[in-house]
Amino acid sequence: MFIQTESTPNPATLKFLPGETVIGVGTADFPTAEAGQSSPLAKRIFAVAGVTGVFLGNDFVTVTKSAETEWDHIKPAILGAIMEHFQSGQAAIDGAQPAAGGHAEHSGEDSEIVNQIKELLDTRVRPAVAQDGGDITFHGFDRGVVYLHMQGACAGCPSSTLTLKMGIENLLRHYIPEVVEVRPVAA
């Protein structure tokens, strides 16, 4: 098994491409080792000292490290953990797979606007941020403000504010006049 790695815009994260499906549908974000207990793959990766986050996509794994840890010191162990997992034949996540959309539900008078926001996120934004090892999901809409949750390489990325404000906010405002601002939310 050959696992490729790619850098991301976030220097604290690396994207690992095992050449196989990681999770079939949706994404799974494990910002802590405790959150990763439902994932045999995440547990193996969190066993490597210095790992602070694991994010699973369709065909990639994004790993976040602590500031004091050097990639050169932990990358071989992470590659080993991923390889060991795929050789074990276990599923990446125990039990039910994550929801396909990953977006928060929203009902009420703004539901048509919210559906347009989700459609633009799914078709224009999420494929681009997946290339960088992350994901962005809809969290809420209130009085013109769109709240988005950033995951994987996008969480804590130095360029995430620029991505939100200059990229996503401009895109949504262009297509949906009711949108006046985009803000990030914590998990």
N, C-alpha and C. Protein backbone atom coordinates (compact mmCIF):
# COMPACT_ATOMS: atom_id res chain seq x y z
N MET A 1 0.85 -1.18 0.00
CA MET A 1 0.00 0.00 0.00
C MET A 1 0.89 1.24 0.00
N PHE A 2 0.59 2.16 -0.91
CA PHE A 2 1.33 3.41 -1.00
C PHE A 2 0.41 4.54 -0.59
N ILE A 3 0.78 5.29 0.44
CA ILE A 3 -0.03 6.40 0.94
C ILE A 3 0.66 7.70 0.54
N GLN A 4 -0.03 8.52 -0.23
CA GLN A 4 0.51 9.81 -0.60
C GLN A 4 0.19 10.83 0.48
N THR A 5 1.03 11.86 0.58
CA THR A 5 0.74 12.96 1.49
C THR A 5 0.75 14.26 0.70
N GLU A 6 -0.08 15.19 1.14
CA GLU A 6 -0.14 16.51 0.54
C GLU A 6 -0.14 17.54 1.65
N SER A 7 0.56 18.63 1.44
CA SER A 7 0.48 19.73 2.39
C SER A 7 -0.86 20.43 2.20
N THR A 8 -1.27 21.18 3.20
CA THR A 8 -2.51 21.95 3.14
C THR A 8 -2.16 23.41 3.43
N PRO A 9 -3.09 24.33 3.22
CA PRO A 9 -2.81 25.73 3.57
C PRO A 9 -2.53 25.91 5.07
N ASN A 10 -2.97 24.96 5.88
CA ASN A 10 -2.74 25.02 7.32
C ASN A 10 -1.45 24.25 7.63
N PRO A 11 -0.40 24.94 8.10
CA PRO A 11 0.87 24.25 8.36
C PRO A 11 0.80 23.19 9.47
N ALA A 12 -0.24 23.23 10.26
CA ALA A 12 -0.40 22.25 11.34
C ALA A 12 -1.11 20.99 10.88
N THR A 13 -1.49 20.91 9.60
CA THR A 13 -2.20 19.72 9.10
C THR A 13 -1.54 19.17 7.85
N LEU A 14 -1.63 17.86 7.71
CA LEU A 14 -1.22 17.17 6.49
C LEU A 14 -2.38 16.31 6.02
N LYS A 15 -2.49 16.15 4.72
CA LYS A 15 -3.53 15.33 4.11
C LYS A 15 -2.88 14.03 3.65
N PHE A 16 -3.45 12.91 4.08
CA PHE A 16 -2.95 11.58 3.72
C PHE A 16 -3.96 10.93 2.79
N LEU A 17 -3.47 10.43 1.64
CA LEU A 17 -4.32 9.80 0.63
C LEU A 17 -3.93 8.33 0.51
N PRO A 18 -4.73 7.43 1.12
CA PRO A 18 -4.37 6.01 1.10
C PRO A 18 -4.66 5.29 -0.21
N GLY A 19 -5.32 5.95 -1.15
CA GLY A 19 -5.65 5.30 -2.42
C GLY A 19 -6.84 4.37 -2.32
N GLU A 20 -7.57 4.46 -1.22
CA GLU A 20 -8.77 3.65 -0.99
C GLU A 20 -9.84 4.54 -0.36
N THR A 21 -11.08 4.09 -0.39
CA THR A 21 -12.15 4.82 0.27
C THR A 21 -11.92 4.80 1.77
N VAL A 22 -11.97 5.97 2.39
CA VAL A 22 -11.82 6.06 3.84
C VAL A 22 -13.19 5.92 4.49
N ILE A 23 -14.10 6.84 4.17
CA ILE A 23 -15.51 6.67 4.55
C ILE A 23 -16.34 6.93 3.31
N GLY A 24 -17.35 6.13 3.12
CA GLY A 24 -18.11 6.16 1.88
C GLY A 24 -18.92 7.43 1.67
N VAL A 25 -19.49 7.98 2.73
CA VAL A 25 -20.40 9.10 2.60
C VAL A 25 -20.08 10.13 3.68
N GLY A 26 -20.09 11.39 3.32
CA GLY A 26 -19.92 12.46 4.29
C GLY A 26 -18.49 12.60 4.78
N THR A 27 -18.36 13.23 5.94
CA THR A 27 -17.07 13.43 6.58
C THR A 27 -17.22 13.15 8.07
N ALA A 28 -16.10 13.00 8.75
CA ALA A 28 -16.13 12.80 10.20
C ALA A 28 -14.98 13.60 10.80
N ASP A 29 -15.30 14.45 11.76
CA ASP A 29 -14.32 15.32 12.40
C ASP A 29 -14.10 14.86 13.83
N PHE A 30 -12.84 14.62 14.19
CA PHE A 30 -12.48 14.21 15.54
C PHE A 30 -11.45 15.21 16.06
N PRO A 31 -11.92 16.30 16.68
CA PRO A 31 -11.01 17.34 17.15
C PRO A 31 -10.21 16.97 18.40
N THR A 32 -10.59 15.86 19.04
CA THR A 32 -9.88 15.37 20.22
C THR A 32 -9.81 13.85 20.18
N ALA A 33 -8.89 13.28 20.97
CA ALA A 33 -8.79 11.83 21.05
C ALA A 33 -10.08 11.23 21.61
N GLU A 34 -10.71 11.91 22.56
CA GLU A 34 -11.97 11.43 23.15
C GLU A 34 -13.05 11.35 22.08
N ALA A 35 -13.12 12.35 21.22
CA ALA A 35 -14.12 12.35 20.15
C ALA A 35 -13.86 11.22 19.15
N GLY A 36 -12.62 10.78 19.03
CA GLY A 36 -12.26 9.75 18.07
C GLY A 36 -12.45 8.33 18.54
N GLN A 37 -13.04 8.12 19.71
CA GLN A 37 -13.19 6.77 20.24
C GLN A 37 -14.10 5.88 19.40
N SER A 38 -14.99 6.48 18.60
CA SER A 38 -15.89 5.68 17.76
C SER A 38 -15.23 5.27 16.44
N SER A 39 -13.99 5.67 16.24
CA SER A 39 -13.30 5.38 14.99
C SER A 39 -12.01 4.62 15.25
N PRO A 40 -11.96 3.35 14.84
CA PRO A 40 -10.71 2.60 14.97
C PRO A 40 -9.53 3.28 14.27
N LEU A 41 -9.80 3.89 13.12
CA LEU A 41 -8.74 4.59 12.40
C LEU A 41 -8.25 5.81 13.19
N ALA A 42 -9.16 6.62 13.66
CA ALA A 42 -8.77 7.80 14.45
C ALA A 42 -8.03 7.40 15.71
N LYS A 43 -8.49 6.34 16.39
CA LYS A 43 -7.81 5.88 17.61
C LYS A 43 -6.35 5.52 17.32
N ARG A 44 -6.11 4.83 16.22
CA ARG A 44 -4.73 4.46 15.85
C ARG A 44 -3.88 5.70 15.62
N ILE A 45 -4.45 6.70 14.95
CA ILE A 45 -3.70 7.91 14.64
C ILE A 45 -3.46 8.74 15.90
N PHE A 46 -4.48 8.83 16.75
CA PHE A 46 -4.32 9.58 18.00
C PHE A 46 -3.30 8.94 18.94
N ALA A 47 -2.99 7.67 18.73
CA ALA A 47 -1.98 7.00 19.56
C ALA A 47 -0.57 7.54 19.27
N VAL A 48 -0.42 8.27 18.18
CA VAL A 48 0.87 8.88 17.85
C VAL A 48 1.00 10.18 18.65
N ALA A 49 2.05 10.29 19.45
CA ALA A 49 2.25 11.49 20.28
C ALA A 49 2.37 12.72 19.40
N GLY A 50 1.65 13.78 19.77
CA GLY A 50 1.69 15.03 19.03
C GLY A 50 0.50 15.26 18.13
N VAL A 51 -0.32 14.22 17.90
CA VAL A 51 -1.52 14.37 17.07
C VAL A 51 -2.62 15.02 17.91
N THR A 52 -3.23 16.08 17.37
CA THR A 52 -4.29 16.78 18.11
C THR A 52 -5.65 16.74 17.42
N GLY A 53 -5.71 16.26 16.16
CA GLY A 53 -6.99 16.19 15.46
C GLY A 53 -6.91 15.25 14.27
N VAL A 54 -8.06 14.60 13.98
CA VAL A 54 -8.16 13.70 12.83
C VAL A 54 -9.47 14.01 12.13
N PHE A 55 -9.40 14.13 10.81
CA PHE A 55 -10.58 14.41 10.00
C PHE A 55 -10.61 13.39 8.87
N LEU A 56 -11.75 12.72 8.70
CA LEU A 56 -11.89 11.69 7.67
C LEU A 56 -12.81 12.18 6.55
N GLY A 57 -12.33 12.06 5.32
CA GLY A 57 -13.13 12.39 4.16
C GLY A 57 -13.37 11.13 3.34
N ASN A 58 -13.94 11.29 2.17
CA ASN A 58 -14.25 10.15 1.31
C ASN A 58 -13.00 9.32 1.00
N ASP A 59 -11.93 10.01 0.58
CA ASP A 59 -10.73 9.28 0.17
C ASP A 59 -9.45 9.85 0.80
N PHE A 60 -9.60 10.57 1.91
CA PHE A 60 -8.43 11.15 2.56
C PHE A 60 -8.59 11.19 4.07
N VAL A 61 -7.45 11.35 4.74
CA VAL A 61 -7.39 11.55 6.18
C VAL A 61 -6.55 12.80 6.41
N THR A 62 -7.08 13.76 7.13
CA THR A 62 -6.32 14.95 7.47
C THR A 62 -5.94 14.85 8.94
N VAL A 63 -4.66 15.05 9.23
CA VAL A 63 -4.16 14.95 10.59
C VAL A 63 -3.61 16.31 11.01
N THR A 64 -3.99 16.74 12.22
CA THR A 64 -3.50 17.99 12.79
C THR A 64 -2.55 17.66 13.92
N LYS A 65 -1.44 18.40 14.00
CA LYS A 65 -0.43 18.17 15.03
C LYS A 65 -0.35 19.37 15.96
N SER A 66 0.26 19.16 17.12
CA SER A 66 0.48 20.26 18.05
C SER A 66 1.58 21.18 17.51
N ALA A 67 1.63 22.40 18.00
CA ALA A 67 2.59 23.40 17.50
C ALA A 67 4.04 22.98 17.77
N GLU A 68 4.28 22.30 18.88
CA GLU A 68 5.65 21.93 19.24
C GLU A 68 6.13 20.64 18.58
N THR A 69 5.28 19.97 17.85
CA THR A 69 5.63 18.70 17.20
C THR A 69 6.07 18.95 15.77
N GLU A 70 7.12 18.27 15.34
CA GLU A 70 7.63 18.39 13.97
C GLU A 70 7.07 17.26 13.11
N TRP A 71 6.65 17.59 11.89
CA TRP A 71 6.12 16.57 10.98
C TRP A 71 7.13 15.47 10.74
N ASP A 72 8.40 15.81 10.61
CA ASP A 72 9.43 14.80 10.35
C ASP A 72 9.47 13.73 11.43
N HIS A 73 9.08 14.08 12.65
CA HIS A 73 9.13 13.14 13.77
C HIS A 73 7.91 12.22 13.84
N ILE A 74 6.75 12.69 13.38
CA ILE A 74 5.53 11.89 13.54
C ILE A 74 4.96 11.33 12.25
N LYS A 75 5.35 11.87 11.11
CA LYS A 75 4.78 11.41 9.83
C LYS A 75 4.96 9.91 9.60
N PRO A 76 6.14 9.32 9.86
CA PRO A 76 6.27 7.87 9.65
C PRO A 76 5.32 7.05 10.53
N ALA A 77 5.12 7.48 11.77
CA ALA A 77 4.21 6.75 12.67
C ALA A 77 2.76 6.87 12.20
N ILE A 78 2.38 8.04 11.68
CA ILE A 78 1.02 8.23 11.17
C ILE A 78 0.80 7.35 9.93
N LEU A 79 1.78 7.35 9.04
CA LEU A 79 1.68 6.48 7.85
C LEU A 79 1.52 5.02 8.28
N GLY A 80 2.28 4.61 9.28
CA GLY A 80 2.18 3.24 9.80
C GLY A 80 0.82 2.94 10.38
N ALA A 81 0.26 3.91 11.13
CA ALA A 81 -1.06 3.72 11.73
C ALA A 81 -2.14 3.58 10.67
N ILE A 82 -2.07 4.40 9.62
CA ILE A 82 -3.05 4.33 8.54
C ILE A 82 -2.92 2.99 7.80
N MET A 83 -1.70 2.60 7.51
CA MET A 83 -1.47 1.33 6.80
C MET A 83 -1.97 0.15 7.64
N GLU A 84 -1.67 0.18 8.93
CA GLU A 84 -2.11 -0.89 9.84
C GLU A 84 -3.64 -0.97 9.85
N HIS A 85 -4.28 0.18 9.86
CA HIS A 85 -5.75 0.19 9.87
C HIS A 85 -6.31 -0.47 8.62
N PHE A 86 -5.82 -0.09 7.45
CA PHE A 86 -6.37 -0.64 6.21
C PHE A 86 -6.06 -2.13 6.07
N GLN A 87 -4.94 -2.57 6.60
CA GLN A 87 -4.61 -4.00 6.56
C GLN A 87 -5.47 -4.80 7.53
N SER A 88 -6.02 -4.14 8.56
CA SER A 88 -6.85 -4.83 9.56
C SER A 88 -8.22 -5.21 9.01
N GLY A 89 -8.69 -4.49 7.99
CA GLY A 89 -10.01 -4.75 7.43
C GLY A 89 -11.14 -4.12 8.22
N GLN A 90 -10.83 -3.39 9.29
CA GLN A 90 -11.87 -2.73 10.09
C GLN A 90 -12.46 -1.55 9.34
N ALA A 91 -13.68 -1.19 9.71
CA ALA A 91 -14.29 0.03 9.18
C ALA A 91 -13.60 1.23 9.81
N ALA A 92 -13.63 2.36 9.13
CA ALA A 92 -13.01 3.58 9.66
C ALA A 92 -13.76 4.09 10.88
N ILE A 93 -15.09 3.85 10.88
CA ILE A 93 -15.94 4.31 11.99
C ILE A 93 -16.83 3.15 12.42
N ASP A 94 -16.88 2.90 13.74
CA ASP A 94 -17.79 1.89 14.27
C ASP A 94 -19.22 2.40 14.23
N GLY A 95 -20.16 1.54 13.91
CA GLY A 95 -21.57 1.93 13.94
C GLY A 95 -21.98 2.70 12.71
N ALA A 96 -22.92 3.64 12.91
CA ALA A 96 -23.50 4.39 11.80
C ALA A 96 -22.50 5.35 11.19
N GLN A 97 -22.57 5.48 9.89
CA GLN A 97 -21.74 6.45 9.18
C GLN A 97 -22.30 7.85 9.42
N PRO A 98 -21.48 8.88 9.26
CA PRO A 98 -21.97 10.24 9.44
C PRO A 98 -23.01 10.60 8.37
N ALA A 99 -23.78 11.62 8.66
CA ALA A 99 -24.80 12.07 7.71
C ALA A 99 -24.12 12.58 6.45
N ALA A 100 -24.77 12.36 5.32
CA ALA A 100 -24.17 12.72 4.04
C ALA A 100 -23.93 14.22 3.90
N GLY A 101 -24.88 15.03 4.33
CA GLY A 101 -24.73 16.47 4.14
C GLY A 101 -23.84 17.13 5.16
N GLY A 102 -23.99 16.75 6.42
CA GLY A 102 -23.22 17.35 7.48
C GLY A 102 -23.74 18.72 7.89
N HIS A 103 -24.76 19.23 7.20
CA HIS A 103 -25.31 20.54 7.51
C HIS A 103 -26.31 20.45 8.65
N ALA A 104 -26.41 21.53 9.43
CA ALA A 104 -27.43 21.62 10.47
C ALA A 104 -28.79 21.77 9.80
N GLU A 105 -29.81 21.24 10.44
CA GLU A 105 -31.17 21.39 9.93
C GLU A 105 -31.66 22.80 10.19
N HIS A 106 -32.52 23.30 9.33
CA HIS A 106 -33.08 24.63 9.49
C HIS A 106 -34.48 24.62 8.90
N SER A 107 -35.43 25.08 9.67
CA SER A 107 -36.79 25.19 9.14
C SER A 107 -37.33 26.56 9.54
N GLY A 108 -38.39 26.96 8.89
CA GLY A 108 -38.97 28.27 9.19
C GLY A 108 -39.04 29.14 7.96
N GLU A 109 -39.19 30.43 8.23
CA GLU A 109 -39.44 31.37 7.13
C GLU A 109 -38.26 31.52 6.18
N ASP A 110 -37.04 31.24 6.66
CA ASP A 110 -35.85 31.39 5.81
C ASP A 110 -35.44 30.09 5.13
N SER A 111 -36.29 29.06 5.15
CA SER A 111 -35.87 27.75 4.66
C SER A 111 -35.49 27.77 3.18
N GLU A 112 -36.13 28.60 2.36
CA GLU A 112 -35.77 28.67 0.95
C GLU A 112 -34.37 29.27 0.78
N ILE A 113 -34.05 30.31 1.54
CA ILE A 113 -32.72 30.92 1.49
C ILE A 113 -31.69 29.91 1.98
N VAL A 114 -31.99 29.22 3.07
CA VAL A 114 -31.05 28.24 3.63
C VAL A 114 -30.78 27.12 2.63
N ASN A 115 -31.80 26.67 1.92
CA ASN A 115 -31.60 25.63 0.90
C ASN A 115 -30.67 26.13 -0.21
N GLN A 116 -30.80 27.41 -0.59
CA GLN A 116 -29.90 27.98 -1.59
C GLN A 116 -28.46 28.05 -1.05
N ILE A 117 -28.31 28.43 0.21
CA ILE A 117 -26.98 28.50 0.84
C ILE A 117 -26.34 27.11 0.84
N LYS A 118 -27.09 26.11 1.27
CA LYS A 118 -26.56 24.74 1.33
C LYS A 118 -26.18 24.24 -0.06
N GLU A 119 -26.99 24.56 -1.06
CA GLU A 119 -26.71 24.14 -2.43
C GLU A 119 -25.40 24.75 -2.93
N LEU A 120 -25.21 26.05 -2.69
CA LEU A 120 -23.96 26.71 -3.10
C LEU A 120 -22.76 26.13 -2.35
N LEU A 121 -22.94 25.87 -1.05
CA LEU A 121 -21.84 25.28 -0.28
C LEU A 121 -21.47 23.91 -0.84
N ASP A 122 -22.48 23.09 -1.13
CA ASP A 122 -22.24 21.73 -1.61
C ASP A 122 -21.62 21.69 -3.01
N THR A 123 -22.02 22.63 -3.88
CA THR A 123 -21.55 22.57 -5.27
C THR A 123 -20.31 23.41 -5.53
N ARG A 124 -20.13 24.52 -4.81
CA ARG A 124 -19.03 25.43 -5.11
C ARG A 124 -17.93 25.46 -4.05
N VAL A 125 -18.30 25.31 -2.77
CA VAL A 125 -17.33 25.52 -1.70
C VAL A 125 -16.72 24.22 -1.19
N ARG A 126 -17.56 23.28 -0.82
CA ARG A 126 -17.06 22.05 -0.19
C ARG A 126 -16.09 21.25 -1.06
N PRO A 127 -16.33 21.13 -2.38
CA PRO A 127 -15.32 20.41 -3.19
C PRO A 127 -13.95 21.09 -3.15
N ALA A 128 -13.93 22.41 -3.12
CA ALA A 128 -12.66 23.13 -3.08
C ALA A 128 -11.93 22.93 -1.75
N VAL A 129 -12.66 23.03 -0.64
CA VAL A 129 -11.99 22.88 0.65
C VAL A 129 -11.62 21.42 0.91
N ALA A 130 -12.33 20.47 0.30
CA ALA A 130 -11.95 19.05 0.42
C ALA A 130 -10.58 18.83 -0.23
N GLN A 131 -10.29 19.57 -1.29
CA GLN A 131 -8.98 19.47 -1.93
C GLN A 131 -7.86 19.86 -0.95
N ASP A 132 -8.20 20.73 0.00
CA ASP A 132 -7.23 21.17 1.01
C ASP A 132 -7.32 20.35 2.30
N GLY A 133 -8.12 19.28 2.30
CA GLY A 133 -8.20 18.40 3.46
C GLY A 133 -9.16 18.85 4.54
N GLY A 134 -10.18 19.60 4.17
CA GLY A 134 -11.13 20.09 5.17
C GLY A 134 -12.56 20.02 4.68
N ASP A 135 -13.42 20.65 5.46
CA ASP A 135 -14.83 20.72 5.11
C ASP A 135 -15.43 21.95 5.79
N ILE A 136 -16.48 22.48 5.21
CA ILE A 136 -17.23 23.59 5.77
C ILE A 136 -18.70 23.21 5.69
N THR A 137 -19.38 23.27 6.84
CA THR A 137 -20.80 22.91 6.87
C THR A 137 -21.63 24.07 7.40
N PHE A 138 -22.87 24.11 6.95
CA PHE A 138 -23.83 25.11 7.37
C PHE A 138 -24.20 24.86 8.83
N HIS A 139 -24.20 25.92 9.62
CA HIS A 139 -24.57 25.81 11.04
C HIS A 139 -25.83 26.59 11.36
N GLY A 140 -26.04 27.72 10.67
CA GLY A 140 -27.24 28.50 10.95
C GLY A 140 -27.33 29.74 10.07
N PHE A 141 -28.52 30.36 10.07
CA PHE A 141 -28.76 31.60 9.33
C PHE A 141 -29.68 32.45 10.17
N ASP A 142 -29.25 33.68 10.47
CA ASP A 142 -30.06 34.55 11.31
C ASP A 142 -29.87 36.00 10.86
N ARG A 143 -30.93 36.64 10.42
CA ARG A 143 -30.93 38.06 10.03
C ARG A 143 -29.78 38.41 9.08
N GLY A 144 -29.60 37.60 8.05
CA GLY A 144 -28.61 37.89 7.04
C GLY A 144 -27.22 37.34 7.32
N VAL A 145 -27.00 36.77 8.51
CA VAL A 145 -25.69 36.24 8.87
C VAL A 145 -25.71 34.72 8.72
N VAL A 146 -24.75 34.21 7.93
CA VAL A 146 -24.61 32.77 7.74
C VAL A 146 -23.51 32.29 8.70
N TYR A 147 -23.81 31.26 9.48
CA TYR A 147 -22.85 30.68 10.41
C TYR A 147 -22.37 29.34 9.85
N LEU A 148 -21.04 29.23 9.69
CA LEU A 148 -20.45 28.03 9.11
C LEU A 148 -19.48 27.39 10.09
N HIS A 149 -19.42 26.07 10.05
CA HIS A 149 -18.50 25.30 10.90
C HIS A 149 -17.37 24.77 10.03
N MET A 150 -16.14 25.11 10.41
CA MET A 150 -14.97 24.71 9.64
C MET A 150 -14.34 23.48 10.30
N GLN A 151 -13.98 22.49 9.49
CA GLN A 151 -13.47 21.22 10.00
C GLN A 151 -12.18 20.83 9.28
N GLY A 152 -11.47 19.89 9.89
CA GLY A 152 -10.25 19.36 9.28
C GLY A 152 -9.20 20.43 9.13
N ALA A 153 -8.57 20.50 7.96
CA ALA A 153 -7.51 21.48 7.73
C ALA A 153 -8.03 22.91 7.82
N CYS A 154 -9.33 23.12 7.62
CA CYS A 154 -9.89 24.47 7.66
C CYS A 154 -9.95 25.03 9.08
N ALA A 155 -10.14 24.16 10.06
CA ALA A 155 -10.22 24.60 11.45
C ALA A 155 -8.83 25.06 11.90
N GLY A 156 -8.74 26.29 12.31
CA GLY A 156 -7.47 26.80 12.80
C GLY A 156 -6.48 27.19 11.72
N CYS A 157 -6.90 27.15 10.48
CA CYS A 157 -5.99 27.52 9.38
C CYS A 157 -5.80 29.03 9.36
N PRO A 158 -4.56 29.49 9.21
CA PRO A 158 -4.32 30.93 9.16
C PRO A 158 -5.09 31.64 8.05
N SER A 159 -5.34 30.95 6.94
CA SER A 159 -6.05 31.60 5.83
C SER A 159 -7.56 31.38 5.88
N SER A 160 -8.08 30.74 6.93
CA SER A 160 -9.52 30.44 6.98
C SER A 160 -10.38 31.70 7.04
N THR A 161 -9.92 32.72 7.76
CA THR A 161 -10.70 33.97 7.83
C THR A 161 -10.79 34.61 6.45
N LEU A 162 -9.69 34.61 5.73
CA LEU A 162 -9.67 35.14 4.37
C LEU A 162 -10.59 34.32 3.47
N THR A 163 -10.54 33.00 3.60
CA THR A 163 -11.42 32.12 2.82
C THR A 163 -12.87 32.44 3.09
N LEU A 164 -13.21 32.59 4.38
CA LEU A 164 -14.60 32.89 4.75
C LEU A 164 -15.04 34.24 4.21
N LYS A 165 -14.26 35.27 4.51
CA LYS A 165 -14.67 36.63 4.19
C LYS A 165 -14.58 36.94 2.69
N MET A 166 -13.45 36.68 2.10
CA MET A 166 -13.25 37.07 0.71
C MET A 166 -13.84 36.06 -0.28
N GLY A 167 -13.82 34.81 0.08
CA GLY A 167 -14.31 33.79 -0.84
C GLY A 167 -15.77 33.45 -0.65
N ILE A 168 -16.06 32.81 0.45
CA ILE A 168 -17.41 32.29 0.68
C ILE A 168 -18.44 33.41 0.85
N GLU A 169 -18.09 34.42 1.64
CA GLU A 169 -19.03 35.52 1.85
C GLU A 169 -19.36 36.22 0.53
N ASN A 170 -18.35 36.50 -0.27
CA ASN A 170 -18.59 37.16 -1.56
C ASN A 170 -19.44 36.28 -2.49
N LEU A 171 -19.15 34.98 -2.50
CA LEU A 171 -19.93 34.06 -3.34
C LEU A 171 -21.41 34.06 -2.91
N LEU A 172 -21.65 33.89 -1.62
CA LEU A 172 -23.04 33.82 -1.14
C LEU A 172 -23.76 35.15 -1.36
N ARG A 173 -23.08 36.26 -1.09
CA ARG A 173 -23.72 37.58 -1.28
C ARG A 173 -24.04 37.82 -2.75
N HIS A 174 -23.20 37.32 -3.64
CA HIS A 174 -23.44 37.50 -5.08
C HIS A 174 -24.72 36.79 -5.52
N TYR A 175 -24.91 35.56 -5.05
CA TYR A 175 -26.06 34.76 -5.50
C TYR A 175 -27.30 34.93 -4.62
N ILE A 176 -27.11 35.32 -3.37
CA ILE A 176 -28.24 35.41 -2.43
C ILE A 176 -28.19 36.78 -1.77
N PRO A 177 -28.98 37.73 -2.25
CA PRO A 177 -28.93 39.11 -1.73
C PRO A 177 -29.25 39.22 -0.23
N GLU A 178 -29.98 38.25 0.31
CA GLU A 178 -30.33 38.29 1.73
C GLU A 178 -29.14 38.06 2.64
N VAL A 179 -28.06 37.50 2.12
CA VAL A 179 -26.85 37.24 2.91
C VAL A 179 -26.05 38.53 3.01
N VAL A 180 -25.74 38.94 4.26
CA VAL A 180 -24.95 40.15 4.47
C VAL A 180 -23.57 39.84 5.06
N GLU A 181 -23.43 38.69 5.73
CA GLU A 181 -22.15 38.37 6.37
C GLU A 181 -22.04 36.87 6.59
N VAL A 182 -20.80 36.38 6.67
CA VAL A 182 -20.52 34.98 7.01
C VAL A 182 -19.62 34.98 8.23
N ARG A 183 -19.96 34.14 9.22
CA ARG A 183 -19.16 34.03 10.44
C ARG A 183 -18.88 32.56 10.75
N PRO A 184 -17.68 32.28 11.30
CA PRO A 184 -17.38 30.92 11.72
C PRO A 184 -17.97 30.62 13.09
N VAL A 185 -18.26 29.36 13.36
CA VAL A 185 -18.70 28.93 14.69
C VAL A 185 -17.81 27.78 15.14
N ALA A 186 -17.63 27.65 16.45
CA ALA A 186 -16.88 26.54 17.00
C ALA A 186 -17.79 25.33 17.05
N ALA A 187 -17.18 24.15 17.17
CA ALA A 187 -17.95 22.91 17.19
C ALA A 187 -18.93 22.85 18.33
